[in-house]
Amino acid sequence: MLKAAGYDVAAVASLANSQYCKDLGADYVFDYKSANVQSEIIAELKGKHFAGVFCPIMSADTIAICTQIAAQLGDGKENKVVATSLAHAMPYGGKIPEGVTVTYCKFLS
């Protein structure tokens, strides 16, 4: 959907799934097992148009990394955002850098 909207897409996956991510449209693929994945993402994407982070992984450590990426790559409140698949009833309780927003799935009843 992001590619169809005209965005460059960065994905984080295993090396084994790198080509699959590219086949799906990812412009950049980073190895999630890399000890430096956060700094690699920031170095590669610094200065490029940044729309925010989608974090479907429900891990506090992963969300923390995503908030740091958003803090360093975003240049305003509209793109210093981490969207997560966590339900709004399960909010992230970790430290969030100033200016970064973590958004949650909200279910309509």
C-alpha atoms as a PDB file:
ATOM      1  CA  MET A   1       0.000   0.000   0.000  1.00  0.00           C
ATOM      2  CA  LEU A   2       2.843   2.369   0.791  1.00  0.00           C
ATOM      3  CA  LYS A   3       4.514   1.712  -2.559  1.00  0.00           C
ATOM      4  CA  ALA A   4       1.219   2.349  -4.333  1.00  0.00           C
ATOM      5  CA  ALA A   5       0.995   5.666  -2.487  1.00  0.00           C
ATOM      6  CA  GLY A   6       4.422   6.623  -3.839  1.00  0.00           C
ATOM      7  CA  TYR A   7       6.556   6.060  -0.744  1.00  0.00           C
ATOM      8  CA  ASP A   8       9.941   4.386  -0.569  1.00  0.00           C
ATOM      9  CA  VAL A   9       9.611   1.479   1.837  1.00  0.00           C
ATOM     10  CA  ALA A  10      12.136   0.131   4.324  1.00  0.00           C
ATOM     11  CA  ALA A  11      11.618  -3.275   5.908  1.00  0.00           C
ATOM     12  CA  VAL A  12      13.334  -5.231   8.649  1.00  0.00           C
ATOM     13  CA  ALA A  13      13.478  -8.989   8.148  1.00  0.00           C
ATOM     14  CA  SER A  14      15.801 -11.975   8.224  1.00  0.00           C
ATOM     15  CA  LEU A  15      18.413 -12.241   5.500  1.00  0.00           C
ATOM     16  CA  ALA A  16      16.514 -15.271   4.214  1.00  0.00           C
ATOM     17  CA  ASN A  17      13.456 -13.073   3.578  1.00  0.00           C
ATOM     18  CA  SER A  18      15.322 -10.067   2.186  1.00  0.00           C
ATOM     19  CA  GLN A  19      14.586 -10.802  -1.469  1.00  0.00           C
ATOM     20  CA  TYR A  20      10.952 -11.611  -0.657  1.00  0.00           C
ATOM     21  CA  CYS A  21      10.582  -8.167   0.939  1.00  0.00           C
ATOM     22  CA  LYS A  22      12.128  -6.574  -2.153  1.00  0.00           C
ATOM     23  CA  ASP A  23       9.779  -8.573  -4.369  1.00  0.00           C
ATOM     24  CA  LEU A  24       6.894  -7.128  -2.349  1.00  0.00           C
ATOM     25  CA  GLY A  25       8.217  -3.620  -3.005  1.00  0.00           C
ATOM     26  CA  ALA A  26      10.666  -2.783  -0.222  1.00  0.00           C
ATOM     27  CA  ASP A  27      13.381  -0.393  -1.373  1.00  0.00           C
ATOM     28  CA  TYR A  28      15.576  -1.072   1.655  1.00  0.00           C
ATOM     29  CA  VAL A  29      15.781  -4.251   3.725  1.00  0.00           C
ATOM     30  CA  PHE A  30      17.681  -4.436   6.993  1.00  0.00           C
ATOM     31  CA  ASP A  31      18.695  -7.616   8.829  1.00  0.00           C
ATOM     32  CA  TYR A  32      16.811  -7.783  12.106  1.00  0.00           C
ATOM     33  CA  LYS A  33      19.594  -9.922  13.607  1.00  0.00           C
ATOM     34  CA  SER A  34      22.201  -7.202  13.117  1.00  0.00           C
ATOM     35  CA  ALA A  35      23.430  -5.812  16.433  1.00  0.00           C
ATOM     36  CA  ASN A  36      23.507  -2.371  14.767  1.00  0.00           C
ATOM     37  CA  VAL A  37      20.192  -2.485  12.902  1.00  0.00           C
ATOM     38  CA  GLN A  38      18.919   0.748  14.488  1.00  0.00           C
ATOM     39  CA  SER A  39      22.005   2.758  13.508  1.00  0.00           C
ATOM     40  CA  GLU A  40      22.085   1.120  10.060  1.00  0.00           C
ATOM     41  CA  ILE A  41      18.490   2.197   9.406  1.00  0.00           C
ATOM     42  CA  ILE A  42      19.140   5.740  10.592  1.00  0.00           C
ATOM     43  CA  ALA A  43      22.357   6.065   8.568  1.00  0.00           C
ATOM     44  CA  GLU A  44      20.724   4.786   5.373  1.00  0.00           C
ATOM     45  CA  LEU A  45      17.526   6.833   5.646  1.00  0.00           C
ATOM     46  CA  LYS A  46      18.895  10.072   7.120  1.00  0.00           C
ATOM     47  CA  GLY A  47      17.926  12.994   4.911  1.00  0.00           C
ATOM     48  CA  LYS A  48      15.289  11.051   2.989  1.00  0.00           C
ATOM     49  CA  HIS A  49      11.556  11.817   3.180  1.00  0.00           C
ATOM     50  CA  PHE A  50      10.266  10.036   6.285  1.00  0.00           C
ATOM     51  CA  ALA A  51       6.600   9.283   6.944  1.00  0.00           C
ATOM     52  CA  GLY A  52       6.880   7.321  10.211  1.00  0.00           C
ATOM     53  CA  VAL A  53       7.339   3.771  11.465  1.00  0.00           C
ATOM     54  CA  PHE A  54       4.913   0.860  11.387  1.00  0.00           C
ATOM     55  CA  CYS A  55       5.826  -1.673  14.071  1.00  0.00           C
ATOM     56  CA  PRO A  56       3.682  -4.825  13.924  1.00  0.00           C
ATOM     57  CA  ILE A  57       5.900  -6.604  16.467  1.00  0.00           C
ATOM     58  CA  MET A  58       4.410  -6.558  19.956  1.00  0.00           C
ATOM     59  CA  SER A  59       7.710  -6.425  21.791  1.00  0.00           C
ATOM     60  CA  ALA A  60       8.603  -3.572  24.139  1.00  0.00           C
ATOM     61  CA  ASP A  61      12.238  -3.732  22.967  1.00  0.00           C
ATOM     62  CA  THR A  62      11.229  -3.470  19.319  1.00  0.00           C
ATOM     63  CA  ILE A  63       8.837  -0.588  19.952  1.00  0.00           C
ATOM     64  CA  ALA A  64      11.589   1.204  21.903  1.00  0.00           C
ATOM     65  CA  ILE A  65      13.933   0.904  18.901  1.00  0.00           C
ATOM     66  CA  CYS A  66      11.184   2.161  16.601  1.00  0.00           C
ATOM     67  CA  THR A  67      10.581   5.227  18.792  1.00  0.00           C
ATOM     68  CA  GLN A  68      14.306   6.036  18.607  1.00  0.00           C
ATOM     69  CA  ILE A  69      14.227   5.732  14.814  1.00  0.00           C
ATOM     70  CA  ALA A  70      11.180   8.006  14.598  1.00  0.00           C
ATOM     71  CA  ALA A  71      12.828  10.509  16.928  1.00  0.00           C
ATOM     72  CA  GLN A  72      15.954  10.696  14.779  1.00  0.00           C
ATOM     73  CA  LEU A  73      14.410  10.577  11.302  1.00  0.00           C
ATOM     74  CA  GLY A  74      11.193  12.500  11.820  1.00  0.00           C
ATOM     75  CA  ASP A  75      11.252  16.250  11.482  1.00  0.00           C
ATOM     76  CA  GLY A  76       7.846  17.127  12.887  1.00  0.00           C
ATOM     77  CA  LYS A  77       4.928  15.832  14.901  1.00  0.00           C
ATOM     78  CA  GLU A  78       3.203  14.439  11.810  1.00  0.00           C
ATOM     79  CA  ASN A  79       6.037  11.999  11.097  1.00  0.00           C
ATOM     80  CA  LYS A  80       7.567  11.340  14.515  1.00  0.00           C
ATOM     81  CA  VAL A  81       5.044   8.536  14.800  1.00  0.00           C
ATOM     82  CA  VAL A  82       5.221   4.829  15.543  1.00  0.00           C
ATOM     83  CA  ALA A  83       2.058   2.966  14.584  1.00  0.00           C
ATOM     84  CA  THR A  84       1.763  -0.429  16.207  1.00  0.00           C
ATOM     85  CA  SER A  85      -0.588  -3.370  16.057  1.00  0.00           C
ATOM     86  CA  LEU A  86      -0.872  -3.332  19.833  1.00  0.00           C
ATOM     87  CA  ALA A  87      -4.445  -2.890  20.951  1.00  0.00           C
ATOM     88  CA  HIS A  88      -5.160   0.480  22.578  1.00  0.00           C
ATOM     89  CA  ALA A  89      -5.943  -1.428  25.784  1.00  0.00           C
ATOM     90  CA  MET A  90      -2.301  -2.650  25.854  1.00  0.00           C
ATOM     91  CA  PRO A  91      -0.353   0.631  25.696  1.00  0.00           C
ATOM     92  CA  TYR A  92       3.407   0.685  25.473  1.00  0.00           C
ATOM     93  CA  GLY A  93       4.734   1.538  28.917  1.00  0.00           C
ATOM     94  CA  GLY A  94       8.339   2.329  28.051  1.00  0.00           C
ATOM     95  CA  LYS A  95      10.058   5.644  27.654  1.00  0.00           C
ATOM     96  CA  ILE A  96       9.049   7.557  24.537  1.00  0.00           C
ATOM     97  CA  PRO A  97      11.395  10.253  23.216  1.00  0.00           C
ATOM     98  CA  GLU A  98      10.081  13.800  23.334  1.00  0.00           C
ATOM     99  CA  GLY A  99       7.956  14.638  20.316  1.00  0.00           C
ATOM    100  CA  VAL A 100       7.315  11.006  19.326  1.00  0.00           C
ATOM    101  CA  THR A 101       3.805   9.566  19.362  1.00  0.00           C
ATOM    102  CA  VAL A 102       2.958   5.862  19.587  1.00  0.00           C
ATOM    103  CA  THR A 103      -0.433   5.073  18.063  1.00  0.00           C
ATOM    104  CA  TYR A 104      -2.475   1.913  18.550  1.00  0.00           C
ATOM    105  CA  CYS A 105      -5.122  -0.158  16.807  1.00  0.00           C
ATOM    106  CA  LYS A 106      -8.569   0.927  17.850  1.00  0.00           C
ATOM    107  CA  PHE A 107     -11.431  -1.439  17.289  1.00  0.00           C
ATOM    108  CA  LEU A 108     -14.884  -0.230  16.464  1.00  0.00           C
ATOM    109  CA  SER A 109     -17.758  -2.015  18.085  1.00  0.00           C
END
